[in-house]
C-alpha atoms as a PDB file:
ATOM      1  CA  MET A   1       0.000   0.000   0.000  1.00  0.00           C
ATOM      2  CA  TYR A   2       1.326   3.424  -0.916  1.00  0.00           C
ATOM      3  CA  LYS A   3       1.526   6.394   1.438  1.00  0.00           C
ATOM      4  CA  ARG A   4       2.596   9.070  -1.048  1.00  0.00           C
ATOM      5  CA  VAL A   5       2.334   9.121  -4.844  1.00  0.00           C
ATOM      6  CA  LEU A   6       2.919  11.466  -7.746  1.00  0.00           C
ATOM      7  CA  LEU A   7       0.053  11.299 -10.237  1.00  0.00           C
ATOM      8  CA  LYS A   8       0.826  12.320 -13.825  1.00  0.00           C
ATOM      9  CA  LEU A   9      -2.202  13.324 -15.892  1.00  0.00           C
ATOM     10  CA  SER A  10      -2.046  14.267 -19.548  1.00  0.00           C
ATOM     11  CA  GLY A  11      -3.524  17.566 -20.574  1.00  0.00           C
ATOM     12  CA  GLU A  12      -5.658  15.721 -23.108  1.00  0.00           C
ATOM     13  CA  SER A  13      -7.346  13.759 -20.304  1.00  0.00           C
ATOM     14  CA  LEU A  14      -8.648  17.038 -18.857  1.00  0.00           C
ATOM     15  CA  GLY A  15     -10.075  17.896 -22.256  1.00  0.00           C
ATOM     16  CA  GLY A  16     -12.479  14.958 -22.194  1.00  0.00           C
ATOM     17  CA  PRO A  17     -13.237  12.830 -25.263  1.00  0.00           C
ATOM     18  CA  GLU A  18     -12.007  15.524 -27.643  1.00  0.00           C
ATOM     19  CA  GLY A  19      -8.794  16.084 -25.685  1.00  0.00           C
ATOM     20  CA  LYS A  20      -9.081  19.831 -26.144  1.00  0.00           C
ATOM     21  CA  GLY A  21      -9.816  22.661 -23.757  1.00  0.00           C
ATOM     22  CA  LEU A  22     -11.209  21.893 -20.309  1.00  0.00           C
ATOM     23  CA  ASP A  23     -14.100  19.471 -19.854  1.00  0.00           C
ATOM     24  CA  PRO A  24     -15.923  20.167 -16.544  1.00  0.00           C
ATOM     25  CA  GLU A  25     -17.369  16.645 -16.439  1.00  0.00           C
ATOM     26  CA  TYR A  26     -13.933  15.043 -16.606  1.00  0.00           C
ATOM     27  CA  LEU A  27     -12.392  17.584 -14.226  1.00  0.00           C
ATOM     28  CA  ARG A  28     -15.117  16.804 -11.698  1.00  0.00           C
ATOM     29  CA  LYS A  29     -14.686  13.055 -12.222  1.00  0.00           C
ATOM     30  CA  TYR A  30     -10.924  13.159 -11.605  1.00  0.00           C
ATOM     31  CA  ALA A  31     -11.312  15.553  -8.689  1.00  0.00           C
ATOM     32  CA  ARG A  32     -13.798  13.200  -7.007  1.00  0.00           C
ATOM     33  CA  GLU A  33     -11.416  10.228  -7.315  1.00  0.00           C
ATOM     34  CA  ILE A  34      -8.445  12.271  -6.084  1.00  0.00           C
ATOM     35  CA  ALA A  35     -10.396  13.689  -3.145  1.00  0.00           C
ATOM     36  CA  GLN A  36     -11.635  10.237  -2.104  1.00  0.00           C
ATOM     37  CA  ALA A  37      -8.087   8.885  -2.142  1.00  0.00           C
ATOM     38  CA  ALA A  38      -6.803  11.880  -0.169  1.00  0.00           C
ATOM     39  CA  ARG A  39      -9.504  11.456   2.469  1.00  0.00           C
ATOM     40  CA  ALA A  40      -8.512   7.773   2.715  1.00  0.00           C
ATOM     41  CA  GLY A  41      -5.027   8.896   3.729  1.00  0.00           C
ATOM     42  CA  LEU A  42      -3.106   8.888   0.444  1.00  0.00           C
ATOM     43  CA  GLN A  43      -0.751  11.848  -0.022  1.00  0.00           C
ATOM     44  CA  ILE A  44      -1.092  12.958  -3.644  1.00  0.00           C
ATOM     45  CA  GLY A  45       1.056  15.250  -5.743  1.00  0.00           C
ATOM     46  CA  ILE A  46      -0.157  15.919  -9.280  1.00  0.00           C
ATOM     47  CA  VAL A  47       1.633  16.989 -12.446  1.00  0.00           C
ATOM     48  CA  ASN A  48      -0.547  17.864 -15.435  1.00  0.00           C
ATOM     49  CA  GLY A  49       0.439  18.043 -19.059  1.00  0.00           C
ATOM     50  CA  GLY A  50      -0.737  20.930 -21.210  1.00  0.00           C
ATOM     51  CA  GLY A  51      -1.487  19.324 -24.575  1.00  0.00           C
ATOM     52  CA  ASN A  52      -5.201  20.142 -24.387  1.00  0.00           C
ATOM     53  CA  ILE A  53      -4.292  23.835 -24.644  1.00  0.00           C
ATOM     54  CA  PHE A  54      -0.841  24.078 -26.228  1.00  0.00           C
ATOM     55  CA  ARG A  55       2.027  21.677 -26.711  1.00  0.00           C
ATOM     56  CA  GLY A  56       5.475  23.197 -27.200  1.00  0.00           C
ATOM     57  CA  LEU A  57       6.537  20.914 -30.047  1.00  0.00           C
ATOM     58  CA  GLN A  58       3.362  21.749 -31.959  1.00  0.00           C
ATOM     59  CA  GLY A  59       4.440  25.363 -31.978  1.00  0.00           C
ATOM     60  CA  LEU A  60       7.326  24.557 -34.317  1.00  0.00           C
ATOM     61  CA  ASP A  61       4.818  24.029 -37.125  1.00  0.00           C
ATOM     62  CA  LYS A  62       3.141  27.354 -36.335  1.00  0.00           C
ATOM     63  CA  GLY A  63       6.165  29.602 -36.461  1.00  0.00           C
ATOM     64  CA  PHE A  64       7.222  29.521 -32.788  1.00  0.00           C
ATOM     65  CA  ASP A  65      10.751  28.562 -31.838  1.00  0.00           C
ATOM     66  CA  ARG A  66      11.227  25.670 -29.409  1.00  0.00           C
ATOM     67  CA  VAL A  67      11.998  27.816 -26.361  1.00  0.00           C
ATOM     68  CA  GLY A  68       9.011  30.090 -26.879  1.00  0.00           C
ATOM     69  CA  GLY A  69       6.733  27.166 -27.627  1.00  0.00           C
ATOM     70  CA  ASP A  70       7.825  25.265 -24.524  1.00  0.00           C
ATOM     71  CA  ARG A  71       7.215  28.329 -22.375  1.00  0.00           C
ATOM     72  CA  MET A  72       3.679  28.549 -23.717  1.00  0.00           C
ATOM     73  CA  GLY A  73       3.211  24.849 -23.013  1.00  0.00           C
ATOM     74  CA  MET A  74       4.394  25.321 -19.441  1.00  0.00           C
ATOM     75  CA  LEU A  75       1.831  28.078 -18.947  1.00  0.00           C
ATOM     76  CA  ALA A  76      -0.847  25.711 -20.263  1.00  0.00           C
ATOM     77  CA  THR A  77      -0.037  23.278 -17.442  1.00  0.00           C
ATOM     78  CA  VAL A  78      -0.590  26.083 -14.922  1.00  0.00           C
ATOM     79  CA  ILE A  79      -4.071  26.729 -16.322  1.00  0.00           C
ATOM     80  CA  ASN A  80      -4.871  23.017 -16.064  1.00  0.00           C
ATOM     81  CA  SER A  81      -3.648  22.806 -12.474  1.00  0.00           C
ATOM     82  CA  LEU A  82      -5.635  25.866 -11.445  1.00  0.00           C
ATOM     83  CA  ALA A  83      -8.761  24.349 -13.002  1.00  0.00           C
ATOM     84  CA  LEU A  84      -8.348  20.909 -11.411  1.00  0.00           C
ATOM     85  CA  SER A  85      -7.556  22.443  -8.015  1.00  0.00           C
ATOM     86  CA  GLN A  86     -10.895  24.270  -8.032  1.00  0.00           C
ATOM     87  CA  PHE A  87     -12.798  21.033  -8.527  1.00  0.00           C
ATOM     88  CA  ILE A  88     -10.773  19.250  -5.826  1.00  0.00           C
ATOM     89  CA  LYS A  89     -11.639  22.045  -3.395  1.00  0.00           C
ATOM     90  CA  GLU A  90     -15.307  21.640  -4.283  1.00  0.00           C
ATOM     91  CA  GLU A  91     -14.970  18.044  -3.070  1.00  0.00           C
ATOM     92  CA  GLY A  92     -13.950  19.371   0.345  1.00  0.00           C
ATOM     93  CA  VAL A  93     -10.209  18.668   0.111  1.00  0.00           C
ATOM     94  CA  HIS A  94      -7.579  21.386   0.348  1.00  0.00           C
ATOM     95  CA  ALA A  95      -5.527  21.789  -2.845  1.00  0.00           C
ATOM     96  CA  GLU A  96      -2.627  24.088  -3.593  1.00  0.00           C
ATOM     97  CA  VAL A  97      -1.028  24.910  -6.933  1.00  0.00           C
ATOM     98  CA  PHE A  98       2.734  25.358  -7.118  1.00  0.00           C
ATOM     99  CA  THR A  99       4.648  26.613 -10.151  1.00  0.00           C
ATOM    100  CA  ALA A 100       8.217  25.927 -11.262  1.00  0.00           C
ATOM    101  CA  THR A 101       8.766  29.658 -11.851  1.00  0.00           C
ATOM    102  CA  PRO A 102       7.414  32.497  -9.663  1.00  0.00           C
ATOM    103  CA  MET A 103       3.781  33.299 -10.530  1.00  0.00           C
ATOM    104  CA  GLU A 104       2.344  34.828  -7.390  1.00  0.00           C
ATOM    105  CA  PRO A 105      -0.477  35.608  -6.707  1.00  0.00           C
ATOM    106  CA  TYR A 106      -1.853  32.932  -9.060  1.00  0.00           C
ATOM    107  CA  ALA A 107       0.043  30.100  -7.379  1.00  0.00           C
ATOM    108  CA  ARG A 108       2.888  29.452  -4.941  1.00  0.00           C
ATOM    109  CA  TYR A 109       6.467  29.232  -6.128  1.00  0.00           C
ATOM    110  CA  TYR A 110       7.463  25.579  -5.795  1.00  0.00           C
ATOM    111  CA  ASN A 111       9.511  24.593  -2.779  1.00  0.00           C
ATOM    112  CA  ARG A 112       9.841  20.921  -1.924  1.00  0.00           C
ATOM    113  CA  ASP A 113       9.494  21.413   1.833  1.00  0.00           C
ATOM    114  CA  ASN A 114       6.367  23.568   1.474  1.00  0.00           C
ATOM    115  CA  ALA A 115       4.799  21.019  -0.865  1.00  0.00           C
ATOM    116  CA  VAL A 116       5.542  18.163   1.555  1.00  0.00           C
ATOM    117  CA  ARG A 117       4.006  20.166   4.378  1.00  0.00           C
ATOM    118  CA  VAL A 118       0.735  20.490   2.439  1.00  0.00           C
ATOM    119  CA  LEU A 119       0.744  16.743   1.743  1.00  0.00           C
ATOM    120  CA  GLU A 120       1.362  15.853   5.375  1.00  0.00           C
ATOM    121  CA  GLU A 121      -1.539  18.074   6.403  1.00  0.00           C
ATOM    122  CA  GLY A 122      -3.901  16.121   4.118  1.00  0.00           C
ATOM    123  CA  GLY A 123      -3.938  18.479   1.161  1.00  0.00           C
ATOM    124  CA  VAL A 124      -3.341  17.778  -2.520  1.00  0.00           C
ATOM    125  CA  VAL A 125      -0.396  19.429  -4.270  1.00  0.00           C
ATOM    126  CA  LEU A 126      -0.546  20.338  -7.950  1.00  0.00           C
ATOM    127  CA  ILE A 127       2.900  21.148  -9.349  1.00  0.00           C
ATOM    128  CA  SER A 128       2.764  22.958 -12.676  1.00  0.00           C
ATOM    129  CA  GLY A 129       5.102  24.648 -15.117  1.00  0.00           C
ATOM    130  CA  GLY A 130       7.096  21.509 -15.914  1.00  0.00           C
ATOM    131  CA  THR A 131      10.677  21.791 -14.717  1.00  0.00           C
ATOM    132  CA  GLY A 132      10.684  25.503 -15.484  1.00  0.00           C
ATOM    133  CA  ASN A 133      13.005  24.895 -18.424  1.00  0.00           C
ATOM    134  CA  PRO A 134      12.436  24.312 -22.149  1.00  0.00           C
ATOM    135  CA  PHE A 135      13.353  21.000 -23.802  1.00  0.00           C
ATOM    136  CA  PHE A 136      11.919  18.964 -20.903  1.00  0.00           C
ATOM    137  CA  THR A 137       8.552  17.223 -21.107  1.00  0.00           C
ATOM    138  CA  THR A 138       5.982  17.092 -18.337  1.00  0.00           C
ATOM    139  CA  ASP A 139       6.825  13.379 -18.007  1.00  0.00           C
ATOM    140  CA  SER A 140      10.350  14.429 -17.028  1.00  0.00           C
ATOM    141  CA  GLY A 141       8.899  17.042 -14.705  1.00  0.00           C
ATOM    142  CA  ALA A 142       6.693  14.416 -13.075  1.00  0.00           C
ATOM    143  CA  ALA A 143       9.646  12.053 -12.599  1.00  0.00           C
ATOM    144  CA  LEU A 144      11.673  14.862 -11.032  1.00  0.00           C
ATOM    145  CA  ARG A 145       8.893  15.852  -8.629  1.00  0.00           C
ATOM    146  CA  ALA A 146       8.211  12.213  -7.684  1.00  0.00           C
ATOM    147  CA  LEU A 147      11.842  11.850  -6.650  1.00  0.00           C
ATOM    148  CA  GLU A 148      11.933  15.198  -4.840  1.00  0.00           C
ATOM    149  CA  LEU A 149       8.778  14.435  -2.873  1.00  0.00           C
ATOM    150  CA  GLN A 150      10.108  10.949  -2.051  1.00  0.00           C
ATOM    151  CA  ALA A 151       6.957   9.365  -3.430  1.00  0.00           C
ATOM    152  CA  ASP A 152       6.460   5.624  -3.140  1.00  0.00           C
ATOM    153  CA  ALA A 153       5.497   5.472  -6.812  1.00  0.00           C
ATOM    154  CA  MET A 154       4.718   7.569  -9.840  1.00  0.00           C
ATOM    155  CA  LEU A 155       1.260   6.893 -11.259  1.00  0.00           C
ATOM    156  CA  LYS A 156       0.632   7.652 -14.898  1.00  0.00           C
ATOM    157  CA  GLY A 157      -3.060   7.922 -15.703  1.00  0.00           C
ATOM    158  CA  THR A 158      -3.814   7.190 -19.359  1.00  0.00           C
ATOM    159  CA  ARG A 159      -6.693   6.166 -21.618  1.00  0.00           C
ATOM    160  CA  VAL A 160      -5.574   2.512 -21.644  1.00  0.00           C
ATOM    161  CA  ASP A 161      -5.258   0.021 -18.797  1.00  0.00           C
ATOM    162  CA  GLY A 162      -1.494  -0.439 -18.855  1.00  0.00           C
ATOM    163  CA  VAL A 163       1.571  -0.843 -21.042  1.00  0.00           C
ATOM    164  CA  TYR A 164       1.165  -2.751 -24.303  1.00  0.00           C
ATOM    165  CA  SER A 165       3.544  -4.059 -26.956  1.00  0.00           C
ATOM    166  CA  ALA A 166       1.881  -1.602 -29.366  1.00  0.00           C
ATOM    167  CA  ASP A 167      -0.889   0.989 -29.244  1.00  0.00           C
ATOM    168  CA  PRO A 168      -3.981  -1.094 -28.354  1.00  0.00           C
ATOM    169  CA  GLU A 169      -6.236   1.593 -29.812  1.00  0.00           C
ATOM    170  CA  LYS A 170      -4.647   1.006 -33.210  1.00  0.00           C
ATOM    171  CA  ASP A 171      -3.333  -2.577 -33.066  1.00  0.00           C
ATOM    172  CA  PRO A 172      -5.800  -5.285 -31.919  1.00  0.00           C
ATOM    173  CA  THR A 173      -2.927  -7.789 -31.572  1.00  0.00           C
ATOM    174  CA  ALA A 174      -1.131  -5.661 -28.964  1.00  0.00           C
ATOM    175  CA  VAL A 175      -0.211  -7.591 -25.819  1.00  0.00           C
ATOM    176  CA  LYS A 176      -0.454  -6.101 -22.334  1.00  0.00           C
ATOM    177  CA  TYR A 177       2.468  -6.389 -19.924  1.00  0.00           C
ATOM    178  CA  GLU A 178       1.597  -7.058 -16.292  1.00  0.00           C
ATOM    179  CA  ASP A 179       4.999  -5.711 -15.300  1.00  0.00           C
ATOM    180  CA  ILE A 180       8.135  -4.711 -17.154  1.00  0.00           C
ATOM    181  CA  THR A 181      11.564  -3.340 -16.284  1.00  0.00           C
ATOM    182  CA  PHE A 182      12.819   0.074 -17.334  1.00  0.00           C
ATOM    183  CA  ASP A 183      15.504  -1.538 -19.476  1.00  0.00           C
ATOM    184  CA  GLU A 184      12.939  -3.709 -21.269  1.00  0.00           C
ATOM    185  CA  ALA A 185      10.599  -0.784 -21.853  1.00  0.00           C
ATOM    186  CA  MET A 186      13.408   1.342 -23.292  1.00  0.00           C
ATOM    187  CA  SER A 187      14.876  -1.420 -25.457  1.00  0.00           C
ATOM    188  CA  ARG A 188      11.436  -2.206 -26.891  1.00  0.00           C
ATOM    189  CA  HIS A 189      10.812   1.503 -27.515  1.00  0.00           C
ATOM    190  CA  LEU A 190       7.561   1.463 -25.561  1.00  0.00           C
ATOM    191  CA  ARG A 191       6.300   5.015 -25.419  1.00  0.00           C
ATOM    192  CA  VAL A 192       5.307   5.089 -21.769  1.00  0.00           C
ATOM    193  CA  LEU A 193       7.664   7.953 -20.903  1.00  0.00           C
ATOM    194  CA  ASP A 194      10.354   9.876 -22.714  1.00  0.00           C
ATOM    195  CA  GLN A 195      13.971   8.779 -22.322  1.00  0.00           C
ATOM    196  CA  THR A 196      14.861  11.465 -19.759  1.00  0.00           C
ATOM    197  CA  ALA A 197      11.959  10.466 -17.515  1.00  0.00           C
ATOM    198  CA  TYR A 198      12.893   6.783 -17.877  1.00  0.00           C
ATOM    199  CA  ALA A 199      16.467   7.574 -16.852  1.00  0.00           C
ATOM    200  CA  LEU A 200      15.400   9.614 -13.813  1.00  0.00           C
ATOM    201  CA  CYS A 201      13.007   6.942 -12.549  1.00  0.00           C
ATOM    202  CA  SER A 202      15.436   4.116 -13.244  1.00  0.00           C
ATOM    203  CA  GLU A 203      18.358   5.795 -11.491  1.00  0.00           C
ATOM    204  CA  GLY A 204      16.169   6.893  -8.603  1.00  0.00           C
ATOM    205  CA  ASN A 205      14.459   3.479  -8.330  1.00  0.00           C
ATOM    206  CA  MET A 206      11.041   5.126  -8.710  1.00  0.00           C
ATOM    207  CA  PRO A 207       8.446   2.529  -9.772  1.00  0.00           C
ATOM    208  CA  ILE A 208       5.802   3.624 -12.251  1.00  0.00           C
ATOM    209  CA  ILE A 209       2.265   2.311 -12.511  1.00  0.00           C
ATOM    210  CA  VAL A 210       0.523   2.956 -15.817  1.00  0.00           C
ATOM    211  CA  PHE A 211      -3.253   2.620 -15.489  1.00  0.00           C
ATOM    212  CA  ASP A 212      -6.599   3.686 -16.926  1.00  0.00           C
ATOM    213  CA  ILE A 213      -7.517   6.910 -15.170  1.00  0.00           C
ATOM    214  CA  ASN A 214     -11.002   6.869 -16.709  1.00  0.00           C
ATOM    215  CA  GLU A 215     -12.092   3.638 -15.020  1.00  0.00           C
ATOM    216  CA  GLU A 216     -13.857   4.704 -11.868  1.00  0.00           C
ATOM    217  CA  GLY A 217     -12.313   3.364  -8.676  1.00  0.00           C
ATOM    218  CA  ASN A 218      -8.844   2.630 -10.058  1.00  0.00           C
ATOM    219  CA  LEU A 219      -7.131   5.231  -7.912  1.00  0.00           C
ATOM    220  CA  ARG A 220      -8.896   3.895  -4.829  1.00  0.00           C
ATOM    221  CA  LYS A 221      -7.832   0.349  -5.684  1.00  0.00           C
ATOM    222  CA  LEU A 222      -4.218   1.503  -5.848  1.00  0.00           C
ATOM    223  CA  THR A 223      -4.503   3.089  -2.412  1.00  0.00           C
ATOM    224  CA  GLU A 224      -5.730  -0.267  -1.111  1.00  0.00           C
ATOM    225  CA  GLY A 225      -2.724  -2.056  -2.584  1.00  0.00           C
ATOM    226  CA  LYS A 226      -4.688  -3.852  -5.300  1.00  0.00           C
ATOM    227  CA  LYS A 227      -3.204  -4.744  -8.674  1.00  0.00           C
ATOM    228  CA  VAL A 228      -4.057  -2.146 -11.289  1.00  0.00           C
ATOM    229  CA  GLY A 229      -2.441  -1.441 -14.651  1.00  0.00           C
ATOM    230  CA  THR A 230       1.196  -2.228 -15.441  1.00  0.00           C
ATOM    231  CA  LEU A 231       4.146  -1.878 -13.081  1.00  0.00           C
ATOM    232  CA  VAL A 232       7.353  -0.506 -14.606  1.00  0.00           C
ATOM    233  CA  HIS A 233      10.258  -1.109 -12.261  1.00  0.00           C
ATOM    234  CA  LYS A 234      14.021  -1.384 -11.834  1.00  0.00           C
END
């Protein structure tokens, strides 16, 4: 059973079926699951992607350079965190948004000790802005924050129920892995995380659980120590 986790959510998940903008129904759904887990005693840090609003790499095709595009993408993750935090608060659980670069009064500037304090007091921490630097994905940011917060595991909520040999939404012959090592995942080029995030988690011995965030009750099952999704480990 886990005491503290870092939950990575894609920006597209917050955009609902279309994966764009902010879908109140999905925000409320995720907030309810997160709040229930927090009330059950799980300490939860959250890192959101920003692809539902703007993804840095997409900006290259629109005339933005990589640094400028990544900065816009980092701001998109702040918007997502602010939105999700509001719905978590509506569920009666305290939630605070931290940013990798100073953005007061919209959110608190990230400090590991302050974030841990919120977690230990029963609140949910949403850490946005990626790493604060261009050329790093939010997967890498999530891996970094998981290690900093000394989480027991990094949870990656996706639209599928684990790690497969190929994209199960496109390849019906794809095989699901119950568990897999970092080395195996990297050598097989399984796109669970980017290479930097893989390296951080592998070196820091941070296990990753990839699971279907849209199946109601999955987060609760994880808090109870039940088998959900695919375990990626050292």
